């Protein structure tokens, strides 16, 4: 069944039951782009363009693009702009199993402008990436997963289905946040020695509280930030039918507010902070971290952190 939602948008009513995750919560979708771990500078769009230019050359043949989990459009909007500008015969398709995230995407001025002018080349669907996709074999030249792997319950099966719809010679692009700020906020240990000490102490105490309360971290959190783990999982799933092309990184610095971190804890605004945790426990943890901050930070309100996003590109060879 196909439900017409807006001009240029088709919501595929293919999913009656989905594995619940935090991105299906309206409060998470509402604040998704505004959290301290997700804000990106305007230069990010140029980084997306550079990736597109490398693997979707200007004036080349049709490059139909599929994105699993476009969410609020952080990666998909600049990718769609590139397709519209440089590939007049190509199309963008995407599915996401969060209506809340899609509503945010559909409300963005950039996206609604693209729909108004080129809606016949954009199809965004509500559907389950972990079920059989409604596309023929080898339909796409590029498949993108940006910040999605940790939402999957079966990486191997999902990769097999994405491989089916990707043509030989096509590219799989997987994007993840790999900076120490994200690692620490997601329960990992920093790699670099120069991470802000108050930030590290803050999250170390938070996870000590979680452990004391019997609130374990979802094991999939490593797929948020650990590039080696991501490569191992994906390479194992792809077997010998793909070859690794390259990794590309984008790094920037930005101010982060401890007040925003408390808010992220209270509302579970990241996978590590919200997955499998009740709102009651989130509120209690936020209250306790507010007290800790008052006692230990000398009322520091903001700090500067380094952020990094990396794209790993594979080519389908068989």
C-alpha atoms as a PDB file:
ATOM      1  CA  UNK A   1       0.000   0.000   0.000  1.00  0.00           C
ATOM      2  CA  UNK A   2       1.328   3.449  -0.904  1.00  0.00           C
ATOM      3  CA  UNK A   3       0.149   6.515   1.009  1.00  0.00           C
ATOM      4  CA  UNK A   4       0.556   9.909  -0.656  1.00  0.00           C
ATOM      5  CA  UNK A   5       1.807  12.265   2.056  1.00  0.00           C
ATOM      6  CA  UNK A   6       2.965  15.392   0.225  1.00  0.00           C
ATOM      7  CA  UNK A   7       3.894  16.187  -3.366  1.00  0.00           C
ATOM      8  CA  UNK A   8       6.992  14.207  -4.216  1.00  0.00           C
ATOM      9  CA  UNK A   9       6.829  12.053  -1.077  1.00  0.00           C
ATOM     10  CA  UNK A  10       5.521   8.531  -0.955  1.00  0.00           C
ATOM     11  CA  UNK A  11       5.225   6.843   2.408  1.00  0.00           C
ATOM     12  CA  UNK A  12       5.415   3.112   1.976  1.00  0.00           C
ATOM     13  CA  UNK A  13       3.106   1.499   4.493  1.00  0.00           C
ATOM     14  CA  UNK A  14       5.188  -1.668   4.682  1.00  0.00           C
ATOM     15  CA  UNK A  15       5.833  -1.906   8.383  1.00  0.00           C
ATOM     16  CA  UNK A  16       3.296  -2.945  11.000  1.00  0.00           C
ATOM     17  CA  UNK A  17       5.824  -3.787  13.705  1.00  0.00           C
ATOM     18  CA  UNK A  18       9.386  -2.538  14.063  1.00  0.00           C
ATOM     19  CA  UNK A  19      12.163  -2.987  16.596  1.00  0.00           C
ATOM     20  CA  UNK A  20      11.715  -0.017  18.919  1.00  0.00           C
ATOM     21  CA  UNK A  21      14.557   2.457  19.211  1.00  0.00           C
ATOM     22  CA  UNK A  22      14.883   5.952  20.630  1.00  0.00           C
ATOM     23  CA  UNK A  23      14.689   7.679  17.249  1.00  0.00           C
ATOM     24  CA  UNK A  24      11.007   6.772  17.069  1.00  0.00           C
ATOM     25  CA  UNK A  25      10.312   9.032  20.066  1.00  0.00           C
ATOM     26  CA  UNK A  26       8.934  12.479  19.131  1.00  0.00           C
ATOM     27  CA  UNK A  27      11.032  14.211  21.820  1.00  0.00           C
ATOM     28  CA  UNK A  28      14.236  12.741  20.359  1.00  0.00           C
ATOM     29  CA  UNK A  29      13.294  13.706  16.810  1.00  0.00           C
ATOM     30  CA  UNK A  30      12.392  17.233  17.898  1.00  0.00           C
ATOM     31  CA  UNK A  31      15.809  17.861  19.443  1.00  0.00           C
ATOM     32  CA  UNK A  32      17.875  15.559  17.215  1.00  0.00           C
ATOM     33  CA  UNK A  33      19.688  18.253  15.207  1.00  0.00           C
ATOM     34  CA  UNK A  34      20.195  20.470  18.254  1.00  0.00           C
ATOM     35  CA  UNK A  35      21.988  18.137  20.659  1.00  0.00           C
ATOM     36  CA  UNK A  36      25.611  18.811  21.572  1.00  0.00           C
ATOM     37  CA  UNK A  37      26.801  15.659  19.768  1.00  0.00           C
ATOM     38  CA  UNK A  38      25.130  16.336  16.408  1.00  0.00           C
ATOM     39  CA  UNK A  39      25.422  19.951  15.376  1.00  0.00           C
ATOM     40  CA  UNK A  40      27.543  20.323  12.227  1.00  0.00           C
ATOM     41  CA  UNK A  41      28.960  23.472  10.577  1.00  0.00           C
ATOM     42  CA  UNK A  42      28.043  24.573   7.031  1.00  0.00           C
ATOM     43  CA  UNK A  43      31.330  23.098   5.745  1.00  0.00           C
ATOM     44  CA  UNK A  44      29.834  19.655   6.338  1.00  0.00           C
ATOM     45  CA  UNK A  45      27.768  20.032   3.157  1.00  0.00           C
ATOM     46  CA  UNK A  46      30.949  20.544   1.119  1.00  0.00           C
ATOM     47  CA  UNK A  47      32.362  17.338   2.604  1.00  0.00           C
ATOM     48  CA  UNK A  48      29.255  15.442   1.461  1.00  0.00           C
ATOM     49  CA  UNK A  49      29.622  17.010  -2.001  1.00  0.00           C
ATOM     50  CA  UNK A  50      33.280  15.905  -2.160  1.00  0.00           C
ATOM     51  CA  UNK A  51      32.280  12.304  -1.435  1.00  0.00           C
ATOM     52  CA  UNK A  52      29.522  12.490  -4.042  1.00  0.00           C
ATOM     53  CA  UNK A  53      31.889  13.929  -6.660  1.00  0.00           C
ATOM     54  CA  UNK A  54      34.377  11.113  -6.059  1.00  0.00           C
ATOM     55  CA  UNK A  55      31.860   8.284  -6.448  1.00  0.00           C
ATOM     56  CA  UNK A  56      29.147   9.919  -8.573  1.00  0.00           C
ATOM     57  CA  UNK A  57      31.169  11.850 -11.177  1.00  0.00           C
ATOM     58  CA  UNK A  58      29.511  14.865 -12.773  1.00  0.00           C
ATOM     59  CA  UNK A  59      27.838  14.145 -16.141  1.00  0.00           C
ATOM     60  CA  UNK A  60      28.178  10.403 -15.625  1.00  0.00           C
ATOM     61  CA  UNK A  61      25.462   7.799 -16.199  1.00  0.00           C
ATOM     62  CA  UNK A  62      22.353   7.397 -14.051  1.00  0.00           C
ATOM     63  CA  UNK A  63      23.222   7.117 -10.377  1.00  0.00           C
ATOM     64  CA  UNK A  64      20.114   6.101  -8.461  1.00  0.00           C
ATOM     65  CA  UNK A  65      20.892   6.550  -4.766  1.00  0.00           C
ATOM     66  CA  UNK A  66      19.328   4.745  -1.810  1.00  0.00           C
ATOM     67  CA  UNK A  67      19.712   5.862   1.799  1.00  0.00           C
ATOM     68  CA  UNK A  68      18.681   3.700   4.696  1.00  0.00           C
ATOM     69  CA  UNK A  69      17.549   5.861   7.589  1.00  0.00           C
ATOM     70  CA  UNK A  70      17.688   9.431   6.249  1.00  0.00           C
ATOM     71  CA  UNK A  71      16.315  10.667   9.571  1.00  0.00           C
ATOM     72  CA  UNK A  72      16.128  14.458   9.734  1.00  0.00           C
ATOM     73  CA  UNK A  73      18.223  14.870   6.588  1.00  0.00           C
ATOM     74  CA  UNK A  74      21.676  15.792   7.876  1.00  0.00           C
ATOM     75  CA  UNK A  75      23.386  13.713   5.172  1.00  0.00           C
ATOM     76  CA  UNK A  76      20.495  13.265   2.757  1.00  0.00           C
ATOM     77  CA  UNK A  77      19.688  16.937   2.070  1.00  0.00           C
ATOM     78  CA  UNK A  78      23.172  17.816   0.724  1.00  0.00           C
ATOM     79  CA  UNK A  79      23.262  14.506  -1.170  1.00  0.00           C
ATOM     80  CA  UNK A  80      19.890  15.243  -2.795  1.00  0.00           C
ATOM     81  CA  UNK A  81      21.105  18.741  -3.715  1.00  0.00           C
ATOM     82  CA  UNK A  82      24.138  17.205  -5.424  1.00  0.00           C
ATOM     83  CA  UNK A  83      21.989  14.734  -7.370  1.00  0.00           C
ATOM     84  CA  UNK A  84      19.594  17.463  -8.471  1.00  0.00           C
ATOM     85  CA  UNK A  85      22.406  19.772  -9.576  1.00  0.00           C
ATOM     86  CA  UNK A  86      24.714  17.334 -11.349  1.00  0.00           C
ATOM     87  CA  UNK A  87      22.675  14.223 -12.248  1.00  0.00           C
ATOM     88  CA  UNK A  88      19.540  15.255 -14.138  1.00  0.00           C
ATOM     89  CA  UNK A  89      18.493  11.663 -14.854  1.00  0.00           C
ATOM     90  CA  UNK A  90      19.119  10.228 -11.374  1.00  0.00           C
ATOM     91  CA  UNK A  91      16.818   9.718  -8.397  1.00  0.00           C
ATOM     92  CA  UNK A  92      17.083   9.634  -4.601  1.00  0.00           C
ATOM     93  CA  UNK A  93      15.211   7.017  -2.553  1.00  0.00           C
ATOM     94  CA  UNK A  94      15.171   6.674   1.214  1.00  0.00           C
ATOM     95  CA  UNK A  95      13.281   4.770   3.890  1.00  0.00           C
ATOM     96  CA  UNK A  96      13.153   5.322   7.632  1.00  0.00           C
ATOM     97  CA  UNK A  97      11.172   3.530  10.336  1.00  0.00           C
ATOM     98  CA  UNK A  98      10.706   6.661  12.449  1.00  0.00           C
ATOM     99  CA  UNK A  99       7.704   8.756  11.541  1.00  0.00           C
ATOM    100  CA  UNK A 100       8.849  11.331  14.095  1.00  0.00           C
ATOM    101  CA  UNK A 101      12.201  11.831  12.357  1.00  0.00           C
ATOM    102  CA  UNK A 102      10.547  12.015   8.934  1.00  0.00           C
ATOM    103  CA  UNK A 103       8.135  14.686  10.164  1.00  0.00           C
ATOM    104  CA  UNK A 104      11.113  16.826  11.144  1.00  0.00           C
ATOM    105  CA  UNK A 105      12.696  16.260   7.733  1.00  0.00           C
ATOM    106  CA  UNK A 106       9.465  17.139   5.918  1.00  0.00           C
ATOM    107  CA  UNK A 107       9.211  20.409   7.870  1.00  0.00           C
ATOM    108  CA  UNK A 108      12.658  21.713   6.864  1.00  0.00           C
ATOM    109  CA  UNK A 109      12.666  24.598   4.415  1.00  0.00           C
ATOM    110  CA  UNK A 110      15.605  23.207   2.429  1.00  0.00           C
ATOM    111  CA  UNK A 111      13.806  19.919   1.941  1.00  0.00           C
ATOM    112  CA  UNK A 112      10.391  21.375   1.108  1.00  0.00           C
ATOM    113  CA  UNK A 113      12.066  23.615  -1.497  1.00  0.00           C
ATOM    114  CA  UNK A 114      13.679  20.566  -3.103  1.00  0.00           C
ATOM    115  CA  UNK A 115      10.306  18.826  -3.172  1.00  0.00           C
ATOM    116  CA  UNK A 116       8.588  21.834  -4.710  1.00  0.00           C
ATOM    117  CA  UNK A 117      11.110  22.038  -7.548  1.00  0.00           C
ATOM    118  CA  UNK A 118      12.205  18.409  -8.045  1.00  0.00           C
ATOM    119  CA  UNK A 119       9.676  16.287  -6.167  1.00  0.00           C
ATOM    120  CA  UNK A 120       9.435  13.821  -9.046  1.00  0.00           C
ATOM    121  CA  UNK A 121      13.043  12.748  -8.366  1.00  0.00           C
ATOM    122  CA  UNK A 122      12.756  12.276  -4.592  1.00  0.00           C
ATOM    123  CA  UNK A 123      10.987   9.386  -2.865  1.00  0.00           C
ATOM    124  CA  UNK A 124      11.127   9.193   0.925  1.00  0.00           C
ATOM    125  CA  UNK A 125       9.431   6.193   2.460  1.00  0.00           C
ATOM    126  CA  UNK A 126       8.293   4.940   5.856  1.00  0.00           C
ATOM    127  CA  UNK A 127       9.527   1.381   6.015  1.00  0.00           C
ATOM    128  CA  UNK A 128      11.758  -1.172   7.665  1.00  0.00           C
ATOM    129  CA  UNK A 129      15.347  -1.342   6.418  1.00  0.00           C
ATOM    130  CA  UNK A 130      15.649  -4.811   7.958  1.00  0.00           C
ATOM    131  CA  UNK A 131      12.956  -6.353   5.771  1.00  0.00           C
ATOM    132  CA  UNK A 132      13.017  -7.183   2.064  1.00  0.00           C
ATOM    133  CA  UNK A 133      13.181  -3.938   0.106  1.00  0.00           C
ATOM    134  CA  UNK A 134      10.660  -3.280  -2.661  1.00  0.00           C
ATOM    135  CA  UNK A 135      13.324  -2.680  -5.329  1.00  0.00           C
ATOM    136  CA  UNK A 136      14.633  -4.988  -8.062  1.00  0.00           C
ATOM    137  CA  UNK A 137      18.124  -6.459  -8.030  1.00  0.00           C
ATOM    138  CA  UNK A 138      20.991  -4.074  -8.877  1.00  0.00           C
ATOM    139  CA  UNK A 139      18.692  -1.031  -8.942  1.00  0.00           C
ATOM    140  CA  UNK A 140      21.065   1.410  -7.209  1.00  0.00           C
ATOM    141  CA  UNK A 141      24.568   2.656  -7.923  1.00  0.00           C
ATOM    142  CA  UNK A 142      25.064   4.081  -4.421  1.00  0.00           C
ATOM    143  CA  UNK A 143      23.742   2.927  -1.034  1.00  0.00           C
ATOM    144  CA  UNK A 144      24.219   5.095   2.061  1.00  0.00           C
ATOM    145  CA  UNK A 145      23.894   4.374   5.780  1.00  0.00           C
ATOM    146  CA  UNK A 146      24.677   7.458   7.875  1.00  0.00           C
ATOM    147  CA  UNK A 147      24.591   6.879  11.625  1.00  0.00           C
ATOM    148  CA  UNK A 148      22.340   3.857  11.258  1.00  0.00           C
ATOM    149  CA  UNK A 149      24.304   0.660  12.000  1.00  0.00           C
ATOM    150  CA  UNK A 150      23.674   0.778  15.751  1.00  0.00           C
ATOM    151  CA  UNK A 151      19.900   0.683  15.116  1.00  0.00           C
ATOM    152  CA  UNK A 152      20.109  -2.660  13.318  1.00  0.00           C
ATOM    153  CA  UNK A 153      19.380  -5.916  15.106  1.00  0.00           C
ATOM    154  CA  UNK A 154      20.905  -8.030  12.314  1.00  0.00           C
ATOM    155  CA  UNK A 155      23.735  -6.299  10.451  1.00  0.00           C
ATOM    156  CA  UNK A 156      24.554  -9.333   8.318  1.00  0.00           C
ATOM    157  CA  UNK A 157      21.020  -9.817   6.986  1.00  0.00           C
ATOM    158  CA  UNK A 158      20.613  -6.099   6.303  1.00  0.00           C
ATOM    159  CA  UNK A 159      23.890  -5.948   4.383  1.00  0.00           C
ATOM    160  CA  UNK A 160      22.835  -8.950   2.298  1.00  0.00           C
ATOM    161  CA  UNK A 161      19.642  -7.152   1.260  1.00  0.00           C
ATOM    162  CA  UNK A 162      21.482  -3.907   0.511  1.00  0.00           C
ATOM    163  CA  UNK A 163      23.975  -5.874  -1.567  1.00  0.00           C
ATOM    164  CA  UNK A 164      21.068  -7.324  -3.552  1.00  0.00           C
ATOM    165  CA  UNK A 165      19.765  -3.909  -4.607  1.00  0.00           C
ATOM    166  CA  UNK A 166      23.256  -2.468  -5.265  1.00  0.00           C
ATOM    167  CA  UNK A 167      24.654  -3.008  -8.758  1.00  0.00           C
ATOM    168  CA  UNK A 168      28.093  -4.454  -9.485  1.00  0.00           C
ATOM    169  CA  UNK A 169      30.570  -1.588  -9.510  1.00  0.00           C
ATOM    170  CA  UNK A 170      28.313   0.407  -7.171  1.00  0.00           C
ATOM    171  CA  UNK A 171      29.338   1.908  -3.842  1.00  0.00           C
ATOM    172  CA  UNK A 172      28.294   1.359  -0.239  1.00  0.00           C
ATOM    173  CA  UNK A 173      28.948   4.419   1.943  1.00  0.00           C
ATOM    174  CA  UNK A 174      28.725   4.099   5.732  1.00  0.00           C
ATOM    175  CA  UNK A 175      29.051   7.209   7.883  1.00  0.00           C
ATOM    176  CA  UNK A 176      29.724   7.324  11.629  1.00  0.00           C
ATOM    177  CA  UNK A 177      30.764   9.729  14.381  1.00  0.00           C
ATOM    178  CA  UNK A 178      34.230   8.639  15.547  1.00  0.00           C
ATOM    179  CA  UNK A 179      35.469  11.488  17.775  1.00  0.00           C
ATOM    180  CA  UNK A 180      36.418  11.081  21.422  1.00  0.00           C
ATOM    181  CA  UNK A 181      33.518  13.278  22.553  1.00  0.00           C
ATOM    182  CA  UNK A 182      31.064  10.805  21.027  1.00  0.00           C
ATOM    183  CA  UNK A 183      33.049   7.798  22.279  1.00  0.00           C
ATOM    184  CA  UNK A 184      33.008   9.038  25.868  1.00  0.00           C
ATOM    185  CA  UNK A 185      29.356  10.101  25.762  1.00  0.00           C
ATOM    186  CA  UNK A 186      28.533   6.621  24.414  1.00  0.00           C
ATOM    187  CA  UNK A 187      30.338   4.773  27.211  1.00  0.00           C
ATOM    188  CA  UNK A 188      33.716   4.267  25.506  1.00  0.00           C
ATOM    189  CA  UNK A 189      37.207   5.390  26.446  1.00  0.00           C
ATOM    190  CA  UNK A 190      38.971   8.283  24.696  1.00  0.00           C
ATOM    191  CA  UNK A 191      41.778   7.632  22.236  1.00  0.00           C
ATOM    192  CA  UNK A 192      43.501  11.014  22.411  1.00  0.00           C
ATOM    193  CA  UNK A 193      45.016  12.314  25.665  1.00  0.00           C
ATOM    194  CA  UNK A 194      43.820  15.905  25.277  1.00  0.00           C
ATOM    195  CA  UNK A 195      40.077  15.450  25.863  1.00  0.00           C
ATOM    196  CA  UNK A 196      38.581  17.943  28.329  1.00  0.00           C
ATOM    197  CA  UNK A 197      39.030  16.491  31.825  1.00  0.00           C
ATOM    198  CA  UNK A 198      35.740  17.805  33.192  1.00  0.00           C
ATOM    199  CA  UNK A 199      33.881  16.314  30.230  1.00  0.00           C
ATOM    200  CA  UNK A 200      35.580  12.954  30.791  1.00  0.00           C
ATOM    201  CA  UNK A 201      34.856  13.040  34.537  1.00  0.00           C
ATOM    202  CA  UNK A 202      31.230  13.977  33.893  1.00  0.00           C
ATOM    203  CA  UNK A 203      30.536  10.972  31.677  1.00  0.00           C
ATOM    204  CA  UNK A 204      32.655   8.614  33.783  1.00  0.00           C
ATOM    205  CA  UNK A 205      30.476   9.479  36.782  1.00  0.00           C
ATOM    206  CA  UNK A 206      27.304   9.135  34.716  1.00  0.00           C
ATOM    207  CA  UNK A 207      28.168   5.576  33.658  1.00  0.00           C
ATOM    208  CA  UNK A 208      29.226   4.705  37.208  1.00  0.00           C
ATOM    209  CA  UNK A 209      25.726   5.736  38.297  1.00  0.00           C
ATOM    210  CA  UNK A 210      24.226   3.616  35.538  1.00  0.00           C
ATOM    211  CA  UNK A 211      26.229   0.605  36.643  1.00  0.00           C
ATOM    212  CA  UNK A 212      25.235   1.103  40.287  1.00  0.00           C
ATOM    213  CA  UNK A 213      21.566   1.281  39.289  1.00  0.00           C
ATOM    214  CA  UNK A 214      21.777  -1.809  37.076  1.00  0.00           C
ATOM    215  CA  UNK A 215      21.181   0.130  33.851  1.00  0.00           C
ATOM    216  CA  UNK A 216      23.523  -1.515  31.330  1.00  0.00           C
ATOM    217  CA  UNK A 217      24.699   0.057  28.098  1.00  0.00           C
ATOM    218  CA  UNK A 218      23.231  -1.386  24.900  1.00  0.00           C
ATOM    219  CA  UNK A 219      25.971  -3.502  23.286  1.00  0.00           C
ATOM    220  CA  UNK A 220      25.289  -1.876  19.899  1.00  0.00           C
ATOM    221  CA  UNK A 221      26.675   1.452  21.141  1.00  0.00           C
ATOM    222  CA  UNK A 222      30.109   0.524  19.775  1.00  0.00           C
ATOM    223  CA  UNK A 223      28.582   0.778  16.312  1.00  0.00           C
ATOM    224  CA  UNK A 224      27.976   4.471  17.020  1.00  0.00           C
ATOM    225  CA  UNK A 225      31.646   5.461  17.317  1.00  0.00           C
ATOM    226  CA  UNK A 226      34.134   2.575  16.971  1.00  0.00           C
ATOM    227  CA  UNK A 227      35.367   2.662  13.367  1.00  0.00           C
ATOM    228  CA  UNK A 228      37.357  -0.570  13.632  1.00  0.00           C
ATOM    229  CA  UNK A 229      34.346  -2.395  15.037  1.00  0.00           C
ATOM    230  CA  UNK A 230      32.151  -0.938  12.290  1.00  0.00           C
ATOM    231  CA  UNK A 231      34.578  -2.067   9.581  1.00  0.00           C
ATOM    232  CA  UNK A 232      34.858  -5.540  11.086  1.00  0.00           C
ATOM    233  CA  UNK A 233      31.076  -5.974  11.328  1.00  0.00           C
ATOM    234  CA  UNK A 234      30.408  -4.723   7.815  1.00  0.00           C
ATOM    235  CA  UNK A 235      33.352  -6.532   6.194  1.00  0.00           C
ATOM    236  CA  UNK A 236      32.266  -9.786   7.805  1.00  0.00           C
ATOM    237  CA  UNK A 237      28.739  -9.278   6.480  1.00  0.00           C
ATOM    238  CA  UNK A 238      29.877  -8.349   2.969  1.00  0.00           C
ATOM    239  CA  UNK A 239      32.333 -11.255   2.726  1.00  0.00           C
ATOM    240  CA  UNK A 240      34.308 -11.232  -0.549  1.00  0.00           C
ATOM    241  CA  UNK A 241      31.759  -9.473  -2.747  1.00  0.00           C
ATOM    242  CA  UNK A 242      33.032  -5.996  -1.808  1.00  0.00           C
ATOM    243  CA  UNK A 243      36.390  -4.277  -1.606  1.00  0.00           C
ATOM    244  CA  UNK A 244      37.277  -1.389   0.669  1.00  0.00           C
ATOM    245  CA  UNK A 245      38.009   1.826  -1.258  1.00  0.00           C
ATOM    246  CA  UNK A 246      38.887   4.459   1.336  1.00  0.00           C
ATOM    247  CA  UNK A 247      37.947   6.337   4.495  1.00  0.00           C
ATOM    248  CA  UNK A 248      37.196  10.062   4.475  1.00  0.00           C
ATOM    249  CA  UNK A 249      36.989  12.210   7.606  1.00  0.00           C
ATOM    250  CA  UNK A 250      35.522  15.577   8.497  1.00  0.00           C
ATOM    251  CA  UNK A 251      36.711  17.290  11.698  1.00  0.00           C
ATOM    252  CA  UNK A 252      35.510  20.450  13.393  1.00  0.00           C
ATOM    253  CA  UNK A 253      35.481  22.136  16.796  1.00  0.00           C
ATOM    254  CA  UNK A 254      32.429  23.499  18.587  1.00  0.00           C
ATOM    255  CA  UNK A 255      31.261  24.698  21.975  1.00  0.00           C
ATOM    256  CA  UNK A 256      29.300  22.253  24.123  1.00  0.00           C
ATOM    257  CA  UNK A 257      27.087  23.159  27.065  1.00  0.00           C
ATOM    258  CA  UNK A 258      26.837  20.996  30.180  1.00  0.00           C
ATOM    259  CA  UNK A 259      23.250  22.186  30.450  1.00  0.00           C
ATOM    260  CA  UNK A 260      22.597  20.570  27.070  1.00  0.00           C
ATOM    261  CA  UNK A 261      24.273  17.371  28.274  1.00  0.00           C
ATOM    262  CA  UNK A 262      21.914  17.240  31.264  1.00  0.00           C
ATOM    263  CA  UNK A 263      18.993  17.770  28.886  1.00  0.00           C
ATOM    264  CA  UNK A 264      20.275  14.948  26.665  1.00  0.00           C
ATOM    265  CA  UNK A 265      20.385  12.633  29.690  1.00  0.00           C
ATOM    266  CA  UNK A 266      16.897  13.630  30.883  1.00  0.00           C
ATOM    267  CA  UNK A 267      15.234  13.027  27.524  1.00  0.00           C
ATOM    268  CA  UNK A 268      17.510  10.235  26.258  1.00  0.00           C
ATOM    269  CA  UNK A 269      18.550  12.208  23.188  1.00  0.00           C
ATOM    270  CA  UNK A 270      21.300   9.841  22.035  1.00  0.00           C
ATOM    271  CA  UNK A 271      21.294   6.082  21.559  1.00  0.00           C
ATOM    272  CA  UNK A 272      23.543   5.479  24.567  1.00  0.00           C
ATOM    273  CA  UNK A 273      21.512   7.737  26.842  1.00  0.00           C
ATOM    274  CA  UNK A 274      18.040   6.584  25.908  1.00  0.00           C
ATOM    275  CA  UNK A 275      18.022   3.071  24.485  1.00  0.00           C
ATOM    276  CA  UNK A 276      16.490   0.662  26.997  1.00  0.00           C
ATOM    277  CA  UNK A 277      16.156   3.287  29.750  1.00  0.00           C
ATOM    278  CA  UNK A 278      12.805   4.482  31.110  1.00  0.00           C
ATOM    279  CA  UNK A 279      11.960   8.177  31.284  1.00  0.00           C
ATOM    280  CA  UNK A 280      11.800   7.858  35.073  1.00  0.00           C
ATOM    281  CA  UNK A 281      15.385   6.573  35.227  1.00  0.00           C
ATOM    282  CA  UNK A 282      16.529   9.211  32.735  1.00  0.00           C
ATOM    283  CA  UNK A 283      15.065  11.946  34.946  1.00  0.00           C
ATOM    284  CA  UNK A 284      16.717  10.561  38.067  1.00  0.00           C
ATOM    285  CA  UNK A 285      20.080  10.334  36.323  1.00  0.00           C
ATOM    286  CA  UNK A 286      19.722  13.902  35.057  1.00  0.00           C
ATOM    287  CA  UNK A 287      18.979  15.141  38.582  1.00  0.00           C
ATOM    288  CA  UNK A 288      21.988  13.317  40.025  1.00  0.00           C
ATOM    289  CA  UNK A 289      24.303  14.609  37.292  1.00  0.00           C
ATOM    290  CA  UNK A 290      23.042  18.144  37.912  1.00  0.00           C
ATOM    291  CA  UNK A 291      24.078  17.797  41.556  1.00  0.00           C
ATOM    292  CA  UNK A 292      27.445  16.310  40.564  1.00  0.00           C
ATOM    293  CA  UNK A 293      28.072  19.175  38.161  1.00  0.00           C
ATOM    294  CA  UNK A 294      27.263  21.726  40.852  1.00  0.00           C
ATOM    295  CA  UNK A 295      29.712  20.086  43.261  1.00  0.00           C
ATOM    296  CA  UNK A 296      32.588  19.333  40.858  1.00  0.00           C
ATOM    297  CA  UNK A 297      32.770  21.674  37.888  1.00  0.00           C
ATOM    298  CA  UNK A 298      33.251  25.102  39.440  1.00  0.00           C
ATOM    299  CA  UNK A 299      30.138  26.061  37.476  1.00  0.00           C
ATOM    300  CA  UNK A 300      31.756  25.639  34.068  1.00  0.00           C
ATOM    301  CA  UNK A 301      28.935  26.227  31.598  1.00  0.00           C
ATOM    302  CA  UNK A 302      30.587  25.491  28.243  1.00  0.00           C
ATOM    303  CA  UNK A 303      33.663  23.744  26.897  1.00  0.00           C
ATOM    304  CA  UNK A 304      35.155  23.338  23.433  1.00  0.00           C
ATOM    305  CA  UNK A 305      35.249  19.849  21.961  1.00  0.00           C
ATOM    306  CA  UNK A 306      36.609  18.304  18.782  1.00  0.00           C
ATOM    307  CA  UNK A 307      34.198  16.324  16.649  1.00  0.00           C
ATOM    308  CA  UNK A 308      34.807  13.985  13.743  1.00  0.00           C
ATOM    309  CA  UNK A 309      32.672  12.198  11.203  1.00  0.00           C
ATOM    310  CA  UNK A 310      34.075   9.454   8.980  1.00  0.00           C
ATOM    311  CA  UNK A 311      32.775   7.860   5.814  1.00  0.00           C
ATOM    312  CA  UNK A 312      33.897   4.362   4.846  1.00  0.00           C
ATOM    313  CA  UNK A 313      33.393   3.435   1.200  1.00  0.00           C
ATOM    314  CA  UNK A 314      33.201  -0.083  -0.235  1.00  0.00           C
ATOM    315  CA  UNK A 315      32.849  -1.068  -3.905  1.00  0.00           C
ATOM    316  CA  UNK A 316      30.785  -4.054  -4.971  1.00  0.00           C
ATOM    317  CA  UNK A 317      32.987  -6.281  -7.130  1.00  0.00           C
ATOM    318  CA  UNK A 318      30.897  -9.425  -7.495  1.00  0.00           C
END
